[in-house]
Amino acid sequence: MSDGINKFLGDSPLRVLVKLVVVSILVGFVMTVFDWYPADILYAIRNFLVDIWRTGFAALGRVGDYLLLGAAVVIPVFLVLRVLSYRR
């Protein structure tokens, strides 16, 4: 059983615990220096995804604008050309 735990953790449980404590202290110090909190990180990720979502739909809206503007010219020209070629 101990071998399975060591294999899962990558080292002995005590060494892993010491490594996790040291890394937690370092990360906590850096987060304190930059005035970051775990909730801020989650909100930043959420806001990033929402901005991507909105920007994506804004880009689709612009494509729709381009389509309508182009169609306002292309469709009448197409119809005129079809009418002129129908007479022949």
PDB file of N, CA and C in Angstrom:
ATOM      1  N   MET A   1       0.828  -1.193   0.000  1.00  0.00           N
ATOM      2  CA  MET A   1       0.000   0.000   0.000  1.00  0.00           C
ATOM      3  C   MET A   1       0.869   1.252   0.000  1.00  0.00           C
ATOM      4  N   SER A   2       1.927   1.238   0.787  1.00  0.00           N
ATOM      5  CA  SER A   2       2.810   2.395   0.877  1.00  0.00           C
ATOM      6  C   SER A   2       3.471   2.673  -0.473  1.00  0.00           C
ATOM      7  N   ASP A   3       3.784   1.611  -1.199  1.00  0.00           N
ATOM      8  CA  ASP A   3       4.387   1.779  -2.520  1.00  0.00           C
ATOM      9  C   ASP A   3       3.414   2.465  -3.471  1.00  0.00           C
ATOM     10  N   GLY A   4       2.146   2.124  -3.401  1.00  0.00           N
ATOM     11  CA  GLY A   4       1.139   2.747  -4.260  1.00  0.00           C
ATOM     12  C   GLY A   4       0.980   4.228  -3.959  1.00  0.00           C
ATOM     13  N   ILE A   5       1.006   4.575  -2.670  1.00  0.00           N
ATOM     14  CA  ILE A   5       0.885   5.988  -2.283  1.00  0.00           C
ATOM     15  C   ILE A   5       2.114   6.760  -2.754  1.00  0.00           C
ATOM     16  N   ASN A   6       3.292   6.190  -2.551  1.00  0.00           N
ATOM     17  CA  ASN A   6       4.520   6.848  -3.008  1.00  0.00           C
ATOM     18  C   ASN A   6       4.512   7.042  -4.522  1.00  0.00           C
ATOM     19  N   LYS A   7       4.028   6.034  -5.232  1.00  0.00           N
ATOM     20  CA  LYS A   7       3.973   6.132  -6.687  1.00  0.00           C
ATOM     21  C   LYS A   7       2.968   7.207  -7.103  1.00  0.00           C
ATOM     22  N   PHE A   8       1.840   7.272  -6.434  1.00  0.00           N
ATOM     23  CA  PHE A   8       0.812   8.265  -6.761  1.00  0.00           C
ATOM     24  C   PHE A   8       1.307   9.679  -6.476  1.00  0.00           C
ATOM     25  N   LEU A   9       1.938   9.877  -5.323  1.00  0.00           N
ATOM     26  CA  LEU A   9       2.406  11.203  -4.934  1.00  0.00           C
ATOM     27  C   LEU A   9       3.709  11.604  -5.619  1.00  0.00           C
ATOM     28  N   GLY A  10       4.482  10.629  -6.069  1.00  0.00           N
ATOM     29  CA  GLY A  10       5.752  10.914  -6.705  1.00  0.00           C
ATOM     30  C   GLY A  10       6.922  10.948  -5.738  1.00  0.00           C
ATOM     31  N   ASP A  11       6.651  10.800  -4.450  1.00  0.00           N
ATOM     32  CA  ASP A  11       7.683  10.805  -3.407  1.00  0.00           C
ATOM     33  C   ASP A  11       7.019  10.331  -2.128  1.00  0.00           C
ATOM     34  N   SER A  12       7.755  10.323  -1.037  1.00  0.00           N
ATOM     35  CA  SER A  12       7.156   9.911   0.228  1.00  0.00           C
ATOM     36  C   SER A  12       6.169  10.992   0.681  1.00  0.00           C
ATOM     37  N   PRO A  13       5.131  10.599   1.411  1.00  0.00           N
ATOM     38  CA  PRO A  13       4.118  11.578   1.831  1.00  0.00           C
ATOM     39  C   PRO A  13       4.688  12.749   2.631  1.00  0.00           C
ATOM     40  N   LEU A  14       5.669  12.504   3.491  1.00  0.00           N
ATOM     41  CA  LEU A  14       6.239  13.583   4.294  1.00  0.00           C
ATOM     42  C   LEU A  14       6.993  14.586   3.417  1.00  0.00           C
ATOM     43  N   ARG A  15       7.773  14.087   2.471  1.00  0.00           N
ATOM     44  CA  ARG A  15       8.499  14.996   1.562  1.00  0.00           C
ATOM     45  C   ARG A  15       7.535  15.796   0.695  1.00  0.00           C
ATOM     46  N   VAL A  16       6.478  15.159   0.220  1.00  0.00           N
ATOM     47  CA  VAL A  16       5.479  15.869  -0.584  1.00  0.00           C
ATOM     48  C   VAL A  16       4.810  16.943   0.258  1.00  0.00           C
ATOM     49  N   LEU A  17       4.495  16.633   1.509  1.00  0.00           N
ATOM     50  CA  LEU A  17       3.877  17.610   2.404  1.00  0.00           C
ATOM     51  C   LEU A  17       4.793  18.813   2.614  1.00  0.00           C
ATOM     52  N   VAL A  18       6.094  18.559   2.838  1.00  0.00           N
ATOM     53  CA  VAL A  18       7.049  19.653   3.028  1.00  0.00           C
ATOM     54  C   VAL A  18       7.136  20.508   1.761  1.00  0.00           C
ATOM     55  N   LYS A  19       7.195  19.877   0.592  1.00  0.00           N
ATOM     56  CA  LYS A  19       7.255  20.616  -0.675  1.00  0.00           C
ATOM     57  C   LYS A  19       5.995  21.467  -0.866  1.00  0.00           C
ATOM     58  N   LEU A  20       4.840  20.892  -0.569  1.00  0.00           N
ATOM     59  CA  LEU A  20       3.594  21.639  -0.726  1.00  0.00           C
ATOM     60  C   LEU A  20       3.525  22.829   0.224  1.00  0.00           C
ATOM     61  N   VAL A  21       4.024  22.667   1.455  1.00  0.00           N
ATOM     62  CA  VAL A  21       4.025  23.775   2.412  1.00  0.00           C
ATOM     63  C   VAL A  21       4.937  24.891   1.924  1.00  0.00           C
ATOM     64  N   VAL A  22       6.130  24.549   1.446  1.00  0.00           N
ATOM     65  CA  VAL A  22       7.076  25.563   0.964  1.00  0.00           C
ATOM     66  C   VAL A  22       6.505  26.294  -0.248  1.00  0.00           C
ATOM     67  N   VAL A  23       5.967  25.569  -1.196  1.00  0.00           N
ATOM     68  CA  VAL A  23       5.398  26.200  -2.392  1.00  0.00           C
ATOM     69  C   VAL A  23       4.183  27.043  -2.007  1.00  0.00           C
ATOM     70  N   SER A  24       3.369  26.585  -1.077  1.00  0.00           N
ATOM     71  CA  SER A  24       2.207  27.359  -0.634  1.00  0.00           C
ATOM     72  C   SER A  24       2.632  28.674   0.005  1.00  0.00           C
ATOM     73  N   ILE A  25       3.692  28.642   0.806  1.00  0.00           N
ATOM     74  CA  ILE A  25       4.187  29.881   1.422  1.00  0.00           C
ATOM     75  C   ILE A  25       4.677  30.841   0.351  1.00  0.00           C
ATOM     76  N   LEU A  26       5.438  30.341  -0.622  1.00  0.00           N
ATOM     77  CA  LEU A  26       5.955  31.197  -1.692  1.00  0.00           C
ATOM     78  C   LEU A  26       4.820  31.798  -2.530  1.00  0.00           C
ATOM     79  N   VAL A  27       3.873  30.977  -2.911  1.00  0.00           N
ATOM     80  CA  VAL A  27       2.748  31.466  -3.707  1.00  0.00           C
ATOM     81  C   VAL A  27       1.915  32.456  -2.901  1.00  0.00           C
ATOM     82  N   GLY A  28       1.698  32.174  -1.629  1.00  0.00           N
ATOM     83  CA  GLY A  28       0.964  33.096  -0.771  1.00  0.00           C
ATOM     84  C   GLY A  28       1.669  34.427  -0.642  1.00  0.00           C
ATOM     85  N   PHE A  29       2.999  34.409  -0.547  1.00  0.00           N
ATOM     86  CA  PHE A  29       3.774  35.646  -0.453  1.00  0.00           C
ATOM     87  C   PHE A  29       3.635  36.457  -1.739  1.00  0.00           C
ATOM     88  N   VAL A  30       3.802  35.800  -2.875  1.00  0.00           N
ATOM     89  CA  VAL A  30       3.686  36.493  -4.166  1.00  0.00           C
ATOM     90  C   VAL A  30       2.284  37.063  -4.343  1.00  0.00           C
ATOM     91  N   MET A  31       1.269  36.300  -3.991  1.00  0.00           N
ATOM     92  CA  MET A  31      -0.103  36.786  -4.123  1.00  0.00           C
ATOM     93  C   MET A  31      -0.350  37.982  -3.208  1.00  0.00           C
ATOM     94  N   THR A  32       0.243  37.977  -2.017  1.00  0.00           N
ATOM     95  CA  THR A  32       0.096  39.105  -1.104  1.00  0.00           C
ATOM     96  C   THR A  32       0.797  40.345  -1.644  1.00  0.00           C
ATOM     97  N   VAL A  33       1.979  40.161  -2.213  1.00  0.00           N
ATOM     98  CA  VAL A  33       2.717  41.290  -2.779  1.00  0.00           C
ATOM     99  C   VAL A  33       1.914  41.954  -3.894  1.00  0.00           C
ATOM    100  N   PHE A  34       1.282  41.161  -4.750  1.00  0.00           N
ATOM    101  CA  PHE A  34       0.503  41.701  -5.859  1.00  0.00           C
ATOM    102  C   PHE A  34      -0.953  41.972  -5.492  1.00  0.00           C
ATOM    103  N   ASP A  35      -1.308  41.757  -4.231  1.00  0.00           N
ATOM    104  CA  ASP A  35      -2.670  41.975  -3.743  1.00  0.00           C
ATOM    105  C   ASP A  35      -3.689  41.166  -4.540  1.00  0.00           C
ATOM    106  N   TRP A  36      -3.357  39.918  -4.786  1.00  0.00           N
ATOM    107  CA  TRP A  36      -4.239  38.987  -5.487  1.00  0.00           C
ATOM    108  C   TRP A  36      -4.909  38.085  -4.464  1.00  0.00           C
ATOM    109  N   TYR A  37      -6.129  37.694  -4.775  1.00  0.00           N
ATOM    110  CA  TYR A  37      -6.870  36.745  -3.954  1.00  0.00           C
ATOM    111  C   TYR A  37      -7.440  35.671  -4.865  1.00  0.00           C
ATOM    112  N   PRO A  38      -7.651  34.466  -4.345  1.00  0.00           N
ATOM    113  CA  PRO A  38      -8.175  33.400  -5.199  1.00  0.00           C
ATOM    114  C   PRO A  38      -9.481  33.784  -5.896  1.00  0.00           C
ATOM    115  N   ALA A  39     -10.357  34.502  -5.212  1.00  0.00           N
ATOM    116  CA  ALA A  39     -11.612  34.905  -5.838  1.00  0.00           C
ATOM    117  C   ALA A  39     -11.350  35.862  -7.000  1.00  0.00           C
ATOM    118  N   ASP A  40     -10.352  36.745  -6.850  1.00  0.00           N
ATOM    119  CA  ASP A  40     -10.000  37.661  -7.940  1.00  0.00           C
ATOM    120  C   ASP A  40      -9.547  36.903  -9.176  1.00  0.00           C
ATOM    121  N   ILE A  41      -8.787  35.846  -8.961  1.00  0.00           N
ATOM    122  CA  ILE A  41      -8.310  35.041 -10.088  1.00  0.00           C
ATOM    123  C   ILE A  41      -9.494  34.379 -10.780  1.00  0.00           C
ATOM    124  N   LEU A  42     -10.422  33.836 -10.002  1.00  0.00           N
ATOM    125  CA  LEU A  42     -11.596  33.207 -10.606  1.00  0.00           C
ATOM    126  C   LEU A  42     -12.445  34.225 -11.356  1.00  0.00           C
ATOM    127  N   TYR A  43     -12.628  35.417 -10.768  1.00  0.00           N
ATOM    128  CA  TYR A  43     -13.389  36.465 -11.460  1.00  0.00           C
ATOM    129  C   TYR A  43     -12.679  36.910 -12.735  1.00  0.00           C
ATOM    130  N   ALA A  44     -11.363  36.985 -12.707  1.00  0.00           N
ATOM    131  CA  ALA A  44     -10.611  37.379 -13.896  1.00  0.00           C
ATOM    132  C   ALA A  44     -10.781  36.350 -15.008  1.00  0.00           C
ATOM    133  N   ILE A  45     -10.739  35.081 -14.650  1.00  0.00           N
ATOM    134  CA  ILE A  45     -10.941  34.023 -15.650  1.00  0.00           C
ATOM    135  C   ILE A  45     -12.352  34.107 -16.211  1.00  0.00           C
ATOM    136  N   ARG A  46     -13.334  34.313 -15.328  1.00  0.00           N
ATOM    137  CA  ARG A  46     -14.719  34.426 -15.771  1.00  0.00           C
ATOM    138  C   ARG A  46     -14.901  35.628 -16.693  1.00  0.00           C
ATOM    139  N   ASN A  47     -14.352  36.780 -16.301  1.00  0.00           N
ATOM    140  CA  ASN A  47     -14.467  37.980 -17.130  1.00  0.00           C
ATOM    141  C   ASN A  47     -13.766  37.808 -18.469  1.00  0.00           C
ATOM    142  N   PHE A  48     -12.644  37.121 -18.467  1.00  0.00           N
ATOM    143  CA  PHE A  48     -11.931  36.842 -19.717  1.00  0.00           C
ATOM    144  C   PHE A  48     -12.794  36.015 -20.660  1.00  0.00           C
ATOM    145  N   LEU A  49     -13.418  34.976 -20.138  1.00  0.00           N
ATOM    146  CA  LEU A  49     -14.271  34.126 -20.977  1.00  0.00           C
ATOM    147  C   LEU A  49     -15.501  34.880 -21.467  1.00  0.00           C
ATOM    148  N   VAL A  50     -16.084  35.718 -20.609  1.00  0.00           N
ATOM    149  CA  VAL A  50     -17.244  36.507 -21.023  1.00  0.00           C
ATOM    150  C   VAL A  50     -16.849  37.499 -22.109  1.00  0.00           C
ATOM    151  N   ASP A  51     -15.694  38.131 -21.974  1.00  0.00           N
ATOM    152  CA  ASP A  51     -15.227  39.072 -22.997  1.00  0.00           C
ATOM    153  C   ASP A  51     -14.991  38.372 -24.328  1.00  0.00           C
ATOM    154  N   ILE A  52     -14.404  37.184 -24.275  1.00  0.00           N
ATOM    155  CA  ILE A  52     -14.210  36.418 -25.513  1.00  0.00           C
ATOM    156  C   ILE A  52     -15.563  36.089 -26.135  1.00  0.00           C
ATOM    157  N   TRP A  53     -16.518  35.689 -25.310  1.00  0.00           N
ATOM    158  CA  TRP A  53     -17.861  35.348 -25.793  1.00  0.00           C
ATOM    159  C   TRP A  53     -18.497  36.555 -26.479  1.00  0.00           C
ATOM    160  N   ARG A  54     -18.443  37.706 -25.816  1.00  0.00           N
ATOM    161  CA  ARG A  54     -19.061  38.919 -26.380  1.00  0.00           C
ATOM    162  C   ARG A  54     -18.328  39.388 -27.626  1.00  0.00           C
ATOM    163  N   THR A  55     -17.016  39.340 -27.608  1.00  0.00           N
ATOM    164  CA  THR A  55     -16.242  39.759 -28.767  1.00  0.00           C
ATOM    165  C   THR A  55     -16.522  38.848 -29.952  1.00  0.00           C
ATOM    166  N   GLY A  56     -16.670  37.571 -29.688  1.00  0.00           N
ATOM    167  CA  GLY A  56     -16.977  36.627 -30.766  1.00  0.00           C
ATOM    168  C   GLY A  56     -18.297  36.963 -31.427  1.00  0.00           C
ATOM    169  N   PHE A  57     -19.318  37.264 -30.628  1.00  0.00           N
ATOM    170  CA  PHE A  57     -20.608  37.600 -31.208  1.00  0.00           C
ATOM    171  C   PHE A  57     -20.585  38.976 -31.860  1.00  0.00           C
ATOM    172  N   ALA A  58     -19.759  39.879 -31.341  1.00  0.00           N
ATOM    173  CA  ALA A  58     -19.617  41.179 -31.988  1.00  0.00           C
ATOM    174  C   ALA A  58     -18.997  41.004 -33.372  1.00  0.00           C
ATOM    175  N   ALA A  59     -18.025  40.098 -33.472  1.00  0.00           N
ATOM    176  CA  ALA A  59     -17.408  39.834 -34.772  1.00  0.00           C
ATOM    177  C   ALA A  59     -18.432  39.232 -35.727  1.00  0.00           C
ATOM    178  N   LEU A  60     -19.271  38.341 -35.218  1.00  0.00           N
ATOM    179  CA  LEU A  60     -20.324  37.781 -36.067  1.00  0.00           C
ATOM    180  C   LEU A  60     -21.299  38.861 -36.495  1.00  0.00           C
ATOM    181  N   GLY A  61     -21.584  39.808 -35.614  1.00  0.00           N
ATOM    182  CA  GLY A  61     -22.462  40.916 -35.964  1.00  0.00           C
ATOM    183  C   GLY A  61     -21.868  41.768 -37.073  1.00  0.00           C
ATOM    184  N   ARG A  62     -20.549  41.983 -37.016  1.00  0.00           N
ATOM    185  CA  ARG A  62     -19.878  42.735 -38.082  1.00  0.00           C
ATOM    186  C   ARG A  62     -19.950  41.981 -39.394  1.00  0.00           C
ATOM    187  N   VAL A  63     -19.804  40.659 -39.363  1.00  0.00           N
ATOM    188  CA  VAL A  63     -19.910  39.865 -40.585  1.00  0.00           C
ATOM    189  C   VAL A  63     -21.318  40.009 -41.152  1.00  0.00           C
ATOM    190  N   GLY A  64     -22.313  40.011 -40.278  1.00  0.00           N
ATOM    191  CA  GLY A  64     -23.685  40.218 -40.739  1.00  0.00           C
ATOM    192  C   GLY A  64     -23.862  41.593 -41.359  1.00  0.00           C
ATOM    193  N   ASP A  65     -23.225  42.618 -40.786  1.00  0.00           N
ATOM    194  CA  ASP A  65     -23.276  43.959 -41.382  1.00  0.00           C
ATOM    195  C   ASP A  65     -22.644  43.959 -42.763  1.00  0.00           C
ATOM    196  N   TYR A  66     -21.504  43.311 -42.885  1.00  0.00           N
ATOM    197  CA  TYR A  66     -20.835  43.242 -44.183  1.00  0.00           C
ATOM    198  C   TYR A  66     -21.714  42.522 -45.192  1.00  0.00           C
ATOM    199  N   LEU A  67     -22.366  41.463 -44.755  1.00  0.00           N
ATOM    200  CA  LEU A  67     -23.238  40.701 -45.636  1.00  0.00           C
ATOM    201  C   LEU A  67     -24.385  41.572 -46.137  1.00  0.00           C
ATOM    202  N   LEU A  68     -25.015  42.305 -45.239  1.00  0.00           N
ATOM    203  CA  LEU A  68     -26.142  43.153 -45.638  1.00  0.00           C
ATOM    204  C   LEU A  68     -25.699  44.288 -46.555  1.00  0.00           C
ATOM    205  N   LEU A  69     -24.568  44.908 -46.247  1.00  0.00           N
ATOM    206  CA  LEU A  69     -24.068  45.977 -47.100  1.00  0.00           C
ATOM    207  C   LEU A  69     -23.720  45.461 -48.495  1.00  0.00           C
ATOM    208  N   GLY A  70     -23.062  44.339 -48.542  1.00  0.00           N
ATOM    209  CA  GLY A  70     -22.706  43.750 -49.838  1.00  0.00           C
ATOM    210  C   GLY A  70     -23.928  43.304 -50.605  1.00  0.00           C
ATOM    211  N   ALA A  71     -24.892  42.719 -49.899  1.00  0.00           N
ATOM    212  CA  ALA A  71     -26.108  42.246 -50.559  1.00  0.00           C
ATOM    213  C   ALA A  71     -26.922  43.409 -51.112  1.00  0.00           C
ATOM    214  N   ALA A  72     -26.850  44.576 -50.473  1.00  0.00           N
ATOM    215  CA  ALA A  72     -27.577  45.754 -50.967  1.00  0.00           C
ATOM    216  C   ALA A  72     -27.074  46.169 -52.339  1.00  0.00           C
ATOM    217  N   VAL A  73     -25.840  45.831 -52.672  1.00  0.00           N
ATOM    218  CA  VAL A  73     -25.289  46.158 -53.990  1.00  0.00           C
ATOM    219  C   VAL A  73     -25.363  44.957 -54.921  1.00  0.00           C
ATOM    220  N   VAL A  74     -24.989  43.800 -54.433  1.00  0.00           N
ATOM    221  CA  VAL A  74     -24.847  42.620 -55.288  1.00  0.00           C
ATOM    222  C   VAL A  74     -26.195  42.118 -55.801  1.00  0.00           C
ATOM    223  N   ILE A  75     -27.200  42.058 -54.966  1.00  0.00           N
ATOM    224  CA  ILE A  75     -28.485  41.488 -55.383  1.00  0.00           C
ATOM    225  C   ILE A  75     -29.158  42.348 -56.461  1.00  0.00           C
ATOM    226  N   PRO A  76     -29.229  43.669 -56.325  1.00  0.00           N
ATOM    227  CA  PRO A  76     -29.816  44.449 -57.428  1.00  0.00           C
ATOM    228  C   PRO A  76     -29.023  44.309 -58.733  1.00  0.00           C
ATOM    229  N   VAL A  77     -27.691  44.300 -58.642  1.00  0.00           N
ATOM    230  CA  VAL A  77     -26.880  44.122 -59.850  1.00  0.00           C
ATOM    231  C   VAL A  77     -27.159  42.756 -60.464  1.00  0.00           C
ATOM    232  N   PHE A  78     -27.230  41.741 -59.637  1.00  0.00           N
ATOM    233  CA  PHE A  78     -27.532  40.394 -60.122  1.00  0.00           C
ATOM    234  C   PHE A  78     -28.887  40.367 -60.828  1.00  0.00           C
ATOM    235  N   LEU A  79     -29.902  40.978 -60.210  1.00  0.00           N
ATOM    236  CA  LEU A  79     -31.236  40.979 -60.808  1.00  0.00           C
ATOM    237  C   LEU A  79     -31.249  41.732 -62.137  1.00  0.00           C
ATOM    238  N   VAL A  80     -30.566  42.862 -62.184  1.00  0.00           N
ATOM    239  CA  VAL A  80     -30.502  43.624 -63.447  1.00  0.00           C
ATOM    240  C   VAL A  80     -29.819  42.800 -64.526  1.00  0.00           C
ATOM    241  N   LEU A  81     -28.713  42.159 -64.190  1.00  0.00           N
ATOM    242  CA  LEU A  81     -28.013  41.322 -65.171  1.00  0.00           C
ATOM    243  C   LEU A  81     -28.876  40.152 -65.624  1.00  0.00           C
ATOM    244  N   ARG A  82     -29.631  39.567 -64.719  1.00  0.00           N
ATOM    245  CA  ARG A  82     -30.510  38.442 -65.096  1.00  0.00           C
ATOM    246  C   ARG A  82     -31.626  38.920 -66.025  1.00  0.00           C
ATOM    247  N   VAL A  83     -32.183  40.078 -65.714  1.00  0.00           N
ATOM    248  CA  VAL A  83     -33.260  40.621 -66.566  1.00  0.00           C
ATOM    249  C   VAL A  83     -32.697  40.944 -67.946  1.00  0.00           C
ATOM    250  N   LEU A  84     -31.515  41.549 -68.013  1.00  0.00           N
ATOM    251  CA  LEU A  84     -30.916  41.891 -69.314  1.00  0.00           C
ATOM    252  C   LEU A  84     -30.554  40.645 -70.105  1.00  0.00           C
ATOM    253  N   SER A  85     -30.080  39.593 -69.466  1.00  0.00           N
ATOM    254  CA  SER A  85     -29.732  38.370 -70.193  1.00  0.00           C
ATOM    255  C   SER A  85     -30.983  37.572 -70.535  1.00  0.00           C
ATOM    256  N   TYR A  86     -32.092  37.792 -69.869  1.00  0.00           N
ATOM    257  CA  TYR A  86     -33.341  37.079 -70.168  1.00  0.00           C
ATOM    258  C   TYR A  86     -33.924  37.559 -71.485  1.00  0.00           C
ATOM    259  N   ARG A  87     -33.749  38.826 -71.832  1.00  0.00           N
ATOM    260  CA  ARG A  87     -34.279  39.369 -73.065  1.00  0.00           C
ATOM    261  C   ARG A  87     -33.602  38.790 -74.288  1.00  0.00           C
ATOM    262  N   ARG A  88     -32.434  38.295 -74.182  1.00  0.00           N
ATOM    263  CA  ARG A  88     -31.723  37.762 -75.358  1.00  0.00           C
ATOM    264  C   ARG A  88     -32.218  36.427 -75.730  1.00  0.00           C
TER     265      ARG A  88
END
